[in-house]
N, C-alpha and C. Protein backbone atom coordinates (compact mmCIF):
# COMPACT_ATOMS: atom_id res chain seq x y z
N UNK A 1 -51.49 3.36 -53.06
CA UNK A 1 -52.90 3.72 -53.11
C UNK A 1 -53.03 5.20 -52.74
N UNK A 2 -53.79 5.96 -53.54
CA UNK A 2 -53.91 7.40 -53.26
C UNK A 2 -54.69 7.64 -51.97
N UNK A 3 -54.39 8.76 -51.35
CA UNK A 3 -55.09 9.18 -50.14
C UNK A 3 -56.41 9.83 -50.52
N UNK A 4 -57.47 9.53 -49.78
CA UNK A 4 -58.77 10.13 -50.02
C UNK A 4 -59.19 10.88 -48.76
N UNK A 5 -59.85 11.98 -48.96
CA UNK A 5 -60.37 12.72 -47.82
C UNK A 5 -61.57 11.96 -47.24
N UNK A 6 -61.92 12.30 -46.00
CA UNK A 6 -63.08 11.68 -45.36
C UNK A 6 -64.34 11.92 -46.19
N UNK A 7 -64.45 13.12 -46.74
CA UNK A 7 -65.63 13.48 -47.54
C UNK A 7 -65.69 12.65 -48.83
N UNK A 8 -64.54 12.47 -49.48
CA UNK A 8 -64.50 11.69 -50.71
C UNK A 8 -64.85 10.22 -50.43
N UNK A 9 -64.31 9.68 -49.33
CA UNK A 9 -64.62 8.29 -48.97
C UNK A 9 -66.10 8.13 -48.63
N UNK A 10 -66.66 9.10 -47.95
CA UNK A 10 -68.08 9.07 -47.60
C UNK A 10 -68.93 9.08 -48.88
N UNK A 11 -68.53 9.89 -49.86
CA UNK A 11 -69.27 9.97 -51.12
C UNK A 11 -69.21 8.63 -51.86
N UNK A 12 -68.03 8.01 -51.88
CA UNK A 12 -67.87 6.70 -52.53
C UNK A 12 -68.71 5.65 -51.83
N UNK A 13 -68.67 5.64 -50.48
CA UNK A 13 -69.44 4.67 -49.71
C UNK A 13 -70.94 4.85 -49.94
N UNK A 14 -71.39 6.11 -49.99
CA UNK A 14 -72.81 6.39 -50.22
C UNK A 14 -73.24 5.90 -51.61
N UNK A 15 -72.39 6.13 -52.60
CA UNK A 15 -72.71 5.69 -53.97
C UNK A 15 -72.77 4.16 -54.02
N UNK A 16 -71.82 3.49 -53.34
CA UNK A 16 -71.80 2.03 -53.34
C UNK A 16 -73.05 1.47 -52.66
N UNK A 17 -73.43 2.04 -51.52
CA UNK A 17 -74.63 1.59 -50.80
C UNK A 17 -75.87 1.80 -51.66
N UNK A 18 -75.95 2.95 -52.33
CA UNK A 18 -77.10 3.25 -53.19
C UNK A 18 -77.21 2.29 -54.36
N UNK A 19 -76.08 2.00 -55.01
CA UNK A 19 -76.10 1.07 -56.14
C UNK A 19 -76.46 -0.34 -55.69
N UNK A 20 -75.89 -0.76 -54.55
CA UNK A 20 -76.20 -2.09 -54.02
C UNK A 20 -77.68 -2.21 -53.66
N UNK A 21 -78.22 -1.16 -53.04
CA UNK A 21 -79.64 -1.16 -52.68
C UNK A 21 -80.52 -1.25 -53.93
N UNK A 22 -80.15 -0.52 -54.97
CA UNK A 22 -80.92 -0.57 -56.22
C UNK A 22 -80.94 -1.99 -56.79
N UNK A 23 -79.80 -2.67 -56.74
CA UNK A 23 -79.74 -4.06 -57.23
C UNK A 23 -80.62 -4.96 -56.37
N UNK A 24 -80.54 -4.78 -55.05
CA UNK A 24 -81.35 -5.61 -54.15
C UNK A 24 -82.85 -5.40 -54.39
N UNK A 25 -83.24 -4.15 -54.63
CA UNK A 25 -84.65 -3.86 -54.92
C UNK A 25 -85.08 -4.52 -56.23
N UNK A 26 -84.22 -4.42 -57.26
CA UNK A 26 -84.53 -5.05 -58.55
C UNK A 26 -84.66 -6.57 -58.41
N UNK A 27 -83.75 -7.18 -57.68
CA UNK A 27 -83.80 -8.64 -57.50
C UNK A 27 -85.05 -9.04 -56.73
N UNK A 28 -85.36 -8.30 -55.67
CA UNK A 28 -86.57 -8.61 -54.87
C UNK A 28 -87.82 -8.45 -55.73
N UNK A 29 -87.90 -7.38 -56.51
CA UNK A 29 -89.07 -7.18 -57.38
C UNK A 29 -89.16 -8.29 -58.42
N UNK A 30 -88.02 -8.67 -58.99
CA UNK A 30 -87.99 -9.75 -59.98
C UNK A 30 -88.53 -11.05 -59.38
N UNK A 31 -88.02 -11.39 -58.21
CA UNK A 31 -88.45 -12.64 -57.56
C UNK A 31 -89.94 -12.57 -57.19
N UNK A 32 -90.34 -11.46 -56.56
CA UNK A 32 -91.73 -11.32 -56.13
C UNK A 32 -92.72 -11.38 -57.27
N UNK A 33 -92.49 -10.59 -58.29
CA UNK A 33 -93.42 -10.54 -59.43
C UNK A 33 -93.46 -11.88 -60.15
N UNK A 34 -92.30 -12.50 -60.34
CA UNK A 34 -92.29 -13.76 -61.08
C UNK A 34 -92.87 -14.91 -60.27
N UNK A 35 -92.73 -14.87 -58.95
CA UNK A 35 -93.43 -15.87 -58.13
C UNK A 35 -94.94 -15.68 -58.24
N UNK A 36 -95.39 -14.43 -58.21
CA UNK A 36 -96.82 -14.16 -58.35
C UNK A 36 -97.32 -14.65 -59.72
N UNK A 37 -96.58 -14.35 -60.77
CA UNK A 37 -96.98 -14.82 -62.10
C UNK A 37 -97.01 -16.34 -62.17
N UNK A 38 -96.05 -17.00 -61.53
CA UNK A 38 -96.02 -18.47 -61.53
C UNK A 38 -97.23 -19.03 -60.81
N UNK A 39 -97.57 -18.43 -59.67
CA UNK A 39 -98.74 -18.89 -58.92
C UNK A 39 -100.00 -18.71 -59.75
N UNK A 40 -100.12 -17.53 -60.38
CA UNK A 40 -101.31 -17.27 -61.21
C UNK A 40 -101.38 -18.28 -62.35
N UNK A 41 -100.23 -18.53 -62.99
CA UNK A 41 -100.19 -19.45 -64.12
C UNK A 41 -100.49 -20.89 -63.71
N UNK A 42 -99.98 -21.29 -62.56
CA UNK A 42 -100.09 -22.70 -62.18
C UNK A 42 -101.31 -23.03 -61.34
N UNK A 43 -102.09 -22.02 -60.97
CA UNK A 43 -103.33 -22.29 -60.24
C UNK A 43 -104.29 -23.06 -61.14
N UNK A 44 -104.88 -24.09 -60.59
CA UNK A 44 -105.87 -24.80 -61.41
C UNK A 44 -107.12 -23.93 -61.58
N UNK A 45 -107.71 -24.04 -62.71
CA UNK A 45 -108.93 -23.29 -63.01
C UNK A 45 -110.11 -24.23 -62.81
N UNK A 46 -111.08 -23.78 -62.02
CA UNK A 46 -112.27 -24.61 -61.79
C UNK A 46 -113.27 -24.34 -62.89
N UNK A 47 -113.60 -25.38 -63.62
CA UNK A 47 -114.56 -25.26 -64.70
C UNK A 47 -115.66 -26.29 -64.48
N UNK A 48 -116.76 -25.79 -63.97
CA UNK A 48 -117.85 -26.72 -63.68
C UNK A 48 -117.47 -27.60 -62.51
N UNK A 49 -117.35 -28.88 -62.76
CA UNK A 49 -116.99 -29.82 -61.70
C UNK A 49 -115.57 -30.36 -61.88
N UNK A 50 -114.79 -29.72 -62.77
CA UNK A 50 -113.45 -30.23 -63.11
C UNK A 50 -112.41 -29.13 -62.89
N UNK A 51 -111.29 -29.49 -62.29
CA UNK A 51 -110.16 -28.56 -62.20
C UNK A 51 -109.27 -28.74 -63.42
N UNK A 52 -108.99 -27.66 -64.11
CA UNK A 52 -108.13 -27.70 -65.28
C UNK A 52 -106.74 -27.17 -64.90
N UNK A 53 -105.73 -27.94 -65.21
CA UNK A 53 -104.36 -27.50 -64.92
C UNK A 53 -103.74 -26.96 -66.20
N UNK A 54 -102.91 -25.93 -66.08
CA UNK A 54 -102.33 -25.30 -67.28
C UNK A 54 -101.39 -26.24 -68.02
N UNK A 55 -101.47 -26.18 -69.34
CA UNK A 55 -100.57 -26.97 -70.18
C UNK A 55 -99.42 -26.10 -70.70
N UNK A 56 -99.56 -24.82 -70.55
CA UNK A 56 -98.54 -23.89 -71.05
C UNK A 56 -98.04 -23.04 -69.89
N UNK A 57 -96.77 -23.07 -69.64
CA UNK A 57 -96.18 -22.30 -68.55
C UNK A 57 -95.76 -20.93 -69.08
N UNK A 58 -96.69 -20.03 -69.29
CA UNK A 58 -96.42 -18.72 -69.87
C UNK A 58 -95.61 -17.82 -68.96
N UNK A 59 -95.60 -18.08 -67.66
CA UNK A 59 -94.86 -17.21 -66.74
C UNK A 59 -93.35 -17.23 -67.02
N UNK A 60 -92.87 -18.27 -67.72
CA UNK A 60 -91.44 -18.34 -68.05
C UNK A 60 -91.03 -17.24 -69.04
N UNK A 61 -91.96 -16.82 -69.90
CA UNK A 61 -91.63 -15.78 -70.89
C UNK A 61 -91.27 -14.45 -70.22
N UNK A 62 -92.14 -13.89 -69.39
CA UNK A 62 -91.74 -12.64 -68.74
C UNK A 62 -90.57 -12.83 -67.78
N UNK A 63 -90.47 -14.00 -67.15
CA UNK A 63 -89.35 -14.24 -66.22
C UNK A 63 -88.02 -14.17 -66.96
N UNK A 64 -87.95 -14.81 -68.11
CA UNK A 64 -86.70 -14.80 -68.89
C UNK A 64 -86.44 -13.45 -69.54
N UNK A 65 -87.51 -12.82 -70.01
CA UNK A 65 -87.33 -11.50 -70.63
C UNK A 65 -86.81 -10.49 -69.61
N UNK A 66 -87.41 -10.49 -68.45
CA UNK A 66 -87.01 -9.55 -67.42
C UNK A 66 -85.61 -9.89 -66.89
N UNK A 67 -85.23 -11.15 -66.96
CA UNK A 67 -83.90 -11.57 -66.49
C UNK A 67 -82.81 -10.90 -67.31
N UNK A 68 -83.06 -10.67 -68.60
CA UNK A 68 -82.06 -9.99 -69.43
C UNK A 68 -81.77 -8.60 -68.86
N UNK A 69 -82.80 -7.84 -68.53
CA UNK A 69 -82.61 -6.52 -67.94
C UNK A 69 -81.96 -6.59 -66.58
N UNK A 70 -82.33 -7.57 -65.78
CA UNK A 70 -81.75 -7.73 -64.45
C UNK A 70 -80.26 -8.04 -64.55
N UNK A 71 -79.89 -8.90 -65.48
CA UNK A 71 -78.48 -9.22 -65.68
C UNK A 71 -77.70 -7.96 -66.05
N UNK A 72 -78.26 -7.10 -66.88
CA UNK A 72 -77.57 -5.86 -67.27
C UNK A 72 -77.41 -4.93 -66.07
N UNK A 73 -78.41 -4.86 -65.20
CA UNK A 73 -78.30 -4.04 -63.99
C UNK A 73 -77.18 -4.56 -63.08
N UNK A 74 -77.17 -5.85 -62.86
CA UNK A 74 -76.13 -6.44 -62.01
C UNK A 74 -74.76 -6.26 -62.65
N UNK A 75 -74.68 -6.45 -63.96
CA UNK A 75 -73.40 -6.27 -64.66
C UNK A 75 -72.90 -4.84 -64.52
N UNK A 76 -73.81 -3.89 -64.64
CA UNK A 76 -73.43 -2.49 -64.49
C UNK A 76 -72.82 -2.23 -63.12
N UNK A 77 -73.44 -2.79 -62.10
CA UNK A 77 -72.93 -2.63 -60.73
C UNK A 77 -71.56 -3.30 -60.59
N UNK A 78 -71.41 -4.51 -61.11
CA UNK A 78 -70.14 -5.23 -60.99
C UNK A 78 -69.02 -4.54 -61.77
N UNK A 79 -69.35 -3.98 -62.93
CA UNK A 79 -68.35 -3.25 -63.71
C UNK A 79 -67.93 -2.00 -62.94
N UNK A 80 -68.89 -1.30 -62.35
CA UNK A 80 -68.57 -0.12 -61.54
C UNK A 80 -67.72 -0.52 -60.33
N UNK A 81 -68.09 -1.62 -59.69
CA UNK A 81 -67.38 -2.11 -58.51
C UNK A 81 -65.94 -2.50 -58.84
N UNK A 82 -65.75 -3.06 -60.03
CA UNK A 82 -64.40 -3.46 -60.46
C UNK A 82 -63.54 -2.26 -60.81
N UNK A 83 -64.14 -1.09 -60.91
CA UNK A 83 -63.37 0.12 -61.17
C UNK A 83 -63.03 0.34 -62.63
N UNK A 84 -63.78 -0.28 -63.53
CA UNK A 84 -63.54 -0.07 -64.95
C UNK A 84 -64.01 1.34 -65.30
N UNK A 85 -63.09 2.18 -65.73
CA UNK A 85 -63.45 3.57 -66.03
C UNK A 85 -63.38 3.89 -67.51
N UNK A 86 -62.64 3.13 -68.26
CA UNK A 86 -62.53 3.38 -69.70
C UNK A 86 -63.86 3.14 -70.38
N UNK A 87 -64.34 4.16 -71.11
CA UNK A 87 -65.63 4.03 -71.80
C UNK A 87 -65.60 2.89 -72.81
N UNK A 88 -64.48 2.74 -73.50
CA UNK A 88 -64.40 1.69 -74.52
C UNK A 88 -64.42 0.30 -73.89
N UNK A 89 -63.73 0.13 -72.76
CA UNK A 89 -63.76 -1.17 -72.08
C UNK A 89 -65.15 -1.44 -71.51
N UNK A 90 -65.78 -0.43 -70.92
CA UNK A 90 -67.14 -0.61 -70.40
C UNK A 90 -68.07 -1.00 -71.54
N UNK A 91 -67.94 -0.31 -72.66
CA UNK A 91 -68.79 -0.60 -73.82
C UNK A 91 -68.63 -2.03 -74.29
N UNK A 92 -67.38 -2.51 -74.34
CA UNK A 92 -67.14 -3.89 -74.76
C UNK A 92 -67.73 -4.87 -73.75
N UNK A 93 -67.56 -4.59 -72.46
CA UNK A 93 -68.12 -5.48 -71.44
C UNK A 93 -69.65 -5.54 -71.53
N UNK A 94 -70.29 -4.37 -71.67
CA UNK A 94 -71.75 -4.36 -71.82
C UNK A 94 -72.17 -5.12 -73.07
N UNK A 95 -71.44 -4.92 -74.15
CA UNK A 95 -71.73 -5.59 -75.42
C UNK A 95 -71.64 -7.11 -75.24
N UNK A 96 -70.58 -7.58 -74.56
CA UNK A 96 -70.40 -9.01 -74.34
C UNK A 96 -71.50 -9.58 -73.45
N UNK A 97 -71.84 -8.88 -72.39
CA UNK A 97 -72.87 -9.36 -71.47
C UNK A 97 -74.23 -9.39 -72.17
N UNK A 98 -74.53 -8.34 -72.93
CA UNK A 98 -75.79 -8.32 -73.68
C UNK A 98 -75.83 -9.46 -74.70
N UNK A 99 -74.71 -9.70 -75.37
CA UNK A 99 -74.62 -10.79 -76.35
C UNK A 99 -74.96 -12.13 -75.69
N UNK A 100 -74.35 -12.38 -74.55
CA UNK A 100 -74.56 -13.66 -73.86
C UNK A 100 -76.00 -13.78 -73.37
N UNK A 101 -76.51 -12.74 -72.70
CA UNK A 101 -77.86 -12.86 -72.12
C UNK A 101 -78.95 -12.89 -73.19
N UNK A 102 -78.85 -12.03 -74.18
CA UNK A 102 -79.89 -12.00 -75.21
C UNK A 102 -79.88 -13.29 -76.04
N UNK A 103 -78.70 -13.77 -76.39
CA UNK A 103 -78.66 -15.00 -77.19
C UNK A 103 -79.08 -16.22 -76.37
N UNK A 104 -78.81 -16.21 -75.07
CA UNK A 104 -79.33 -17.27 -74.21
C UNK A 104 -80.86 -17.23 -74.23
N UNK A 105 -81.41 -16.02 -74.16
CA UNK A 105 -82.87 -15.86 -74.22
C UNK A 105 -83.42 -16.33 -75.57
N UNK A 106 -82.74 -15.99 -76.66
CA UNK A 106 -83.20 -16.44 -77.97
C UNK A 106 -83.19 -17.96 -78.09
N UNK A 107 -82.18 -18.58 -77.51
CA UNK A 107 -82.13 -20.05 -77.51
C UNK A 107 -83.30 -20.60 -76.69
N UNK A 108 -83.60 -19.94 -75.57
CA UNK A 108 -84.75 -20.35 -74.75
C UNK A 108 -86.05 -20.22 -75.56
N UNK A 109 -86.21 -19.11 -76.29
CA UNK A 109 -87.41 -18.92 -77.11
C UNK A 109 -87.50 -20.03 -78.16
N UNK A 110 -86.38 -20.33 -78.79
CA UNK A 110 -86.35 -21.40 -79.80
C UNK A 110 -86.78 -22.72 -79.16
N UNK A 111 -86.24 -23.02 -77.99
CA UNK A 111 -86.55 -24.26 -77.30
C UNK A 111 -88.02 -24.32 -76.90
N UNK A 112 -88.54 -23.21 -76.35
CA UNK A 112 -89.94 -23.17 -75.91
C UNK A 112 -90.92 -23.22 -77.08
N UNK A 113 -90.46 -22.79 -78.25
CA UNK A 113 -91.37 -22.75 -79.39
C UNK A 113 -91.30 -24.03 -80.24
N UNK A 114 -90.68 -25.06 -79.73
CA UNK A 114 -90.73 -26.34 -80.41
C UNK A 114 -89.41 -26.87 -80.92
N UNK A 115 -88.34 -26.15 -80.78
CA UNK A 115 -86.99 -26.60 -81.16
C UNK A 115 -86.91 -27.07 -82.60
N UNK A 116 -87.58 -26.37 -83.50
CA UNK A 116 -87.53 -26.74 -84.91
C UNK A 116 -86.28 -26.19 -85.58
N UNK A 117 -86.49 -25.44 -86.63
CA UNK A 117 -85.40 -24.84 -87.38
C UNK A 117 -84.53 -23.98 -86.46
N UNK A 118 -83.23 -24.12 -86.56
CA UNK A 118 -82.30 -23.46 -85.64
C UNK A 118 -82.06 -22.01 -86.11
N UNK A 119 -83.08 -21.18 -86.02
CA UNK A 119 -83.04 -19.79 -86.49
C UNK A 119 -82.19 -18.90 -85.62
N UNK A 120 -81.99 -19.24 -84.34
CA UNK A 120 -81.24 -18.36 -83.45
C UNK A 120 -79.77 -18.22 -83.83
N UNK A 121 -79.29 -19.12 -84.71
CA UNK A 121 -77.89 -19.03 -85.14
C UNK A 121 -77.61 -17.77 -85.95
N UNK A 122 -78.62 -17.27 -86.68
CA UNK A 122 -78.41 -16.06 -87.48
C UNK A 122 -78.08 -14.85 -86.62
N UNK A 123 -78.91 -14.51 -85.63
CA UNK A 123 -78.52 -13.38 -84.78
C UNK A 123 -77.28 -13.68 -83.94
N UNK A 124 -77.10 -14.94 -83.54
CA UNK A 124 -75.95 -15.30 -82.72
C UNK A 124 -74.64 -15.04 -83.47
N UNK A 125 -74.54 -15.52 -84.70
CA UNK A 125 -73.30 -15.33 -85.46
C UNK A 125 -73.17 -13.91 -86.01
N UNK A 126 -74.29 -13.30 -86.41
CA UNK A 126 -74.23 -11.92 -86.88
C UNK A 126 -73.76 -10.98 -85.79
N UNK A 127 -74.29 -11.15 -84.61
CA UNK A 127 -73.90 -10.30 -83.48
C UNK A 127 -72.46 -10.60 -83.08
N UNK A 128 -72.03 -11.87 -83.21
CA UNK A 128 -70.66 -12.24 -82.87
C UNK A 128 -69.66 -11.48 -83.75
N UNK A 129 -69.99 -11.31 -85.01
CA UNK A 129 -69.12 -10.54 -85.90
C UNK A 129 -68.96 -9.12 -85.36
N UNK A 130 -70.07 -8.50 -84.97
CA UNK A 130 -70.01 -7.16 -84.39
C UNK A 130 -69.20 -7.12 -83.11
N UNK A 131 -69.33 -8.14 -82.29
CA UNK A 131 -68.59 -8.21 -81.04
C UNK A 131 -67.09 -8.35 -81.30
N UNK A 132 -66.73 -9.15 -82.27
CA UNK A 132 -65.31 -9.31 -82.63
C UNK A 132 -64.75 -7.99 -83.14
N UNK A 133 -65.50 -7.31 -84.00
CA UNK A 133 -65.04 -6.01 -84.52
C UNK A 133 -64.87 -5.02 -83.37
N UNK A 134 -65.83 -4.99 -82.47
CA UNK A 134 -65.75 -4.11 -81.30
C UNK A 134 -64.49 -4.42 -80.49
N UNK A 135 -64.24 -5.70 -80.28
CA UNK A 135 -63.08 -6.12 -79.50
C UNK A 135 -61.77 -5.73 -80.18
N UNK A 136 -61.70 -5.93 -81.48
CA UNK A 136 -60.47 -5.62 -82.22
C UNK A 136 -60.18 -4.12 -82.20
N UNK A 137 -61.22 -3.30 -82.25
CA UNK A 137 -60.99 -1.86 -82.29
C UNK A 137 -60.48 -1.28 -80.98
N UNK A 138 -60.68 -1.99 -79.87
CA UNK A 138 -60.20 -1.43 -78.59
C UNK A 138 -59.12 -2.25 -77.93
N UNK A 139 -58.92 -3.49 -78.35
CA UNK A 139 -57.93 -4.33 -77.68
C UNK A 139 -56.67 -4.45 -78.51
N UNK A 140 -55.63 -3.75 -78.11
CA UNK A 140 -54.38 -3.83 -78.88
C UNK A 140 -53.62 -5.11 -78.59
N UNK A 141 -52.73 -5.46 -79.51
CA UNK A 141 -51.80 -6.55 -79.24
C UNK A 141 -50.80 -6.01 -78.23
N UNK A 142 -50.11 -6.88 -77.54
CA UNK A 142 -49.19 -6.41 -76.50
C UNK A 142 -48.15 -5.45 -77.08
N UNK A 143 -48.01 -4.32 -76.41
CA UNK A 143 -47.04 -3.31 -76.84
C UNK A 143 -47.52 -2.39 -77.94
N UNK A 144 -48.71 -2.59 -78.46
CA UNK A 144 -49.24 -1.75 -79.53
C UNK A 144 -50.41 -0.92 -79.03
N UNK A 145 -50.68 0.14 -79.78
CA UNK A 145 -51.86 0.96 -79.48
C UNK A 145 -53.07 0.31 -80.13
N UNK A 146 -54.24 0.52 -79.56
CA UNK A 146 -55.45 -0.01 -80.16
C UNK A 146 -55.75 0.74 -81.45
N UNK A 147 -56.60 0.18 -82.27
CA UNK A 147 -57.00 0.82 -83.51
C UNK A 147 -57.59 2.20 -83.23
N UNK A 148 -58.45 2.26 -82.20
CA UNK A 148 -59.08 3.53 -81.84
C UNK A 148 -58.04 4.54 -81.40
N UNK A 149 -57.08 4.13 -80.55
CA UNK A 149 -56.03 5.04 -80.10
C UNK A 149 -55.18 5.53 -81.27
N UNK A 150 -54.91 4.65 -82.22
CA UNK A 150 -54.14 5.06 -83.41
C UNK A 150 -54.90 6.13 -84.19
N UNK A 151 -56.20 5.91 -84.37
CA UNK A 151 -57.02 6.88 -85.10
C UNK A 151 -57.07 8.22 -84.36
N UNK A 152 -57.16 8.18 -83.03
CA UNK A 152 -57.17 9.41 -82.24
C UNK A 152 -55.84 10.14 -82.40
N UNK A 153 -54.74 9.40 -82.33
CA UNK A 153 -53.42 10.01 -82.50
C UNK A 153 -53.26 10.61 -83.90
N UNK A 154 -53.74 9.91 -84.93
CA UNK A 154 -53.69 10.45 -86.29
C UNK A 154 -54.48 11.75 -86.39
N UNK A 155 -55.68 11.75 -85.81
CA UNK A 155 -56.51 12.96 -85.85
C UNK A 155 -55.86 14.10 -85.09
N UNK A 156 -55.27 13.78 -83.94
CA UNK A 156 -54.57 14.78 -83.15
C UNK A 156 -53.40 15.37 -83.93
N UNK A 157 -52.67 14.53 -84.65
CA UNK A 157 -51.55 15.01 -85.46
C UNK A 157 -52.04 15.93 -86.57
N UNK A 158 -53.19 15.60 -87.18
CA UNK A 158 -53.77 16.45 -88.22
C UNK A 158 -54.15 17.82 -87.65
N UNK A 159 -54.77 17.80 -86.47
CA UNK A 159 -55.19 19.06 -85.84
C UNK A 159 -53.98 19.92 -85.52
N UNK A 160 -52.94 19.30 -84.96
CA UNK A 160 -51.71 20.04 -84.62
C UNK A 160 -51.04 20.60 -85.87
N UNK A 161 -51.02 19.79 -86.93
CA UNK A 161 -50.41 20.25 -88.19
C UNK A 161 -51.19 21.44 -88.75
N UNK A 162 -52.51 21.38 -88.67
CA UNK A 162 -53.34 22.48 -89.15
C UNK A 162 -53.10 23.73 -88.33
N UNK A 163 -52.99 23.58 -87.01
CA UNK A 163 -52.71 24.73 -86.14
C UNK A 163 -51.35 25.34 -86.46
N UNK A 164 -50.36 24.49 -86.68
CA UNK A 164 -49.01 24.99 -87.02
C UNK A 164 -49.02 25.74 -88.34
N UNK A 165 -49.77 25.22 -89.30
CA UNK A 165 -49.86 25.85 -90.60
C UNK A 165 -50.53 27.22 -90.48
N UNK A 166 -51.62 27.27 -89.68
CA UNK A 166 -52.31 28.55 -89.48
C UNK A 166 -51.43 29.57 -88.77
N UNK A 167 -50.64 29.12 -87.80
CA UNK A 167 -49.74 30.01 -87.08
C UNK A 167 -48.66 30.55 -88.00
N UNK A 168 -48.15 29.66 -88.86
CA UNK A 168 -47.07 30.10 -89.77
C UNK A 168 -47.61 31.08 -90.81
N UNK A 169 -48.87 30.89 -91.24
CA UNK A 169 -49.47 31.82 -92.20
C UNK A 169 -49.74 33.18 -91.56
N UNK A 170 -50.14 33.18 -90.29
CA UNK A 170 -50.40 34.42 -89.58
C UNK A 170 -49.12 35.18 -89.32
N UNK A 171 -48.03 34.44 -89.11
CA UNK A 171 -46.74 35.06 -88.83
C UNK A 171 -46.12 35.71 -90.06
N UNK A 172 -46.56 35.35 -91.26
CA UNK A 172 -45.98 35.87 -92.50
C UNK A 172 -46.58 37.19 -92.87
């Protein structure tokens, strides 16, 4: 394990505390606002001499919608905490988490809207194709370079060849 200076460790600790606090604030706000919305939704309405109770639980819509964003915030913190630094790996992880949370939400919308025609399968499978392509482009087979790394190496070889050609022309 590499040695870190006191200042570097302090900076890391401060960043970790800040990120954790941000997550705690988001979770507290999520819980507080959604409890308030649930209370508002479920309060009986007095109409004349009769109390009317809600037949539609609308507070579930914003609760589930906001949960998608909250999951992405928590995922961002956990990915940072795990020390994932590769942009391509982070991108794939975010893509996978978004795929799972958004499609879970779409299934919830389908269920809440009457569970008729199974329309959520179209975005679910369409997005899955994109996720598979994303995964294939960055995840190499054991002992091989990823597709992206191969393309970078090819481009680097082209640039070096062009530089060599320019140098040889200048030398003539």
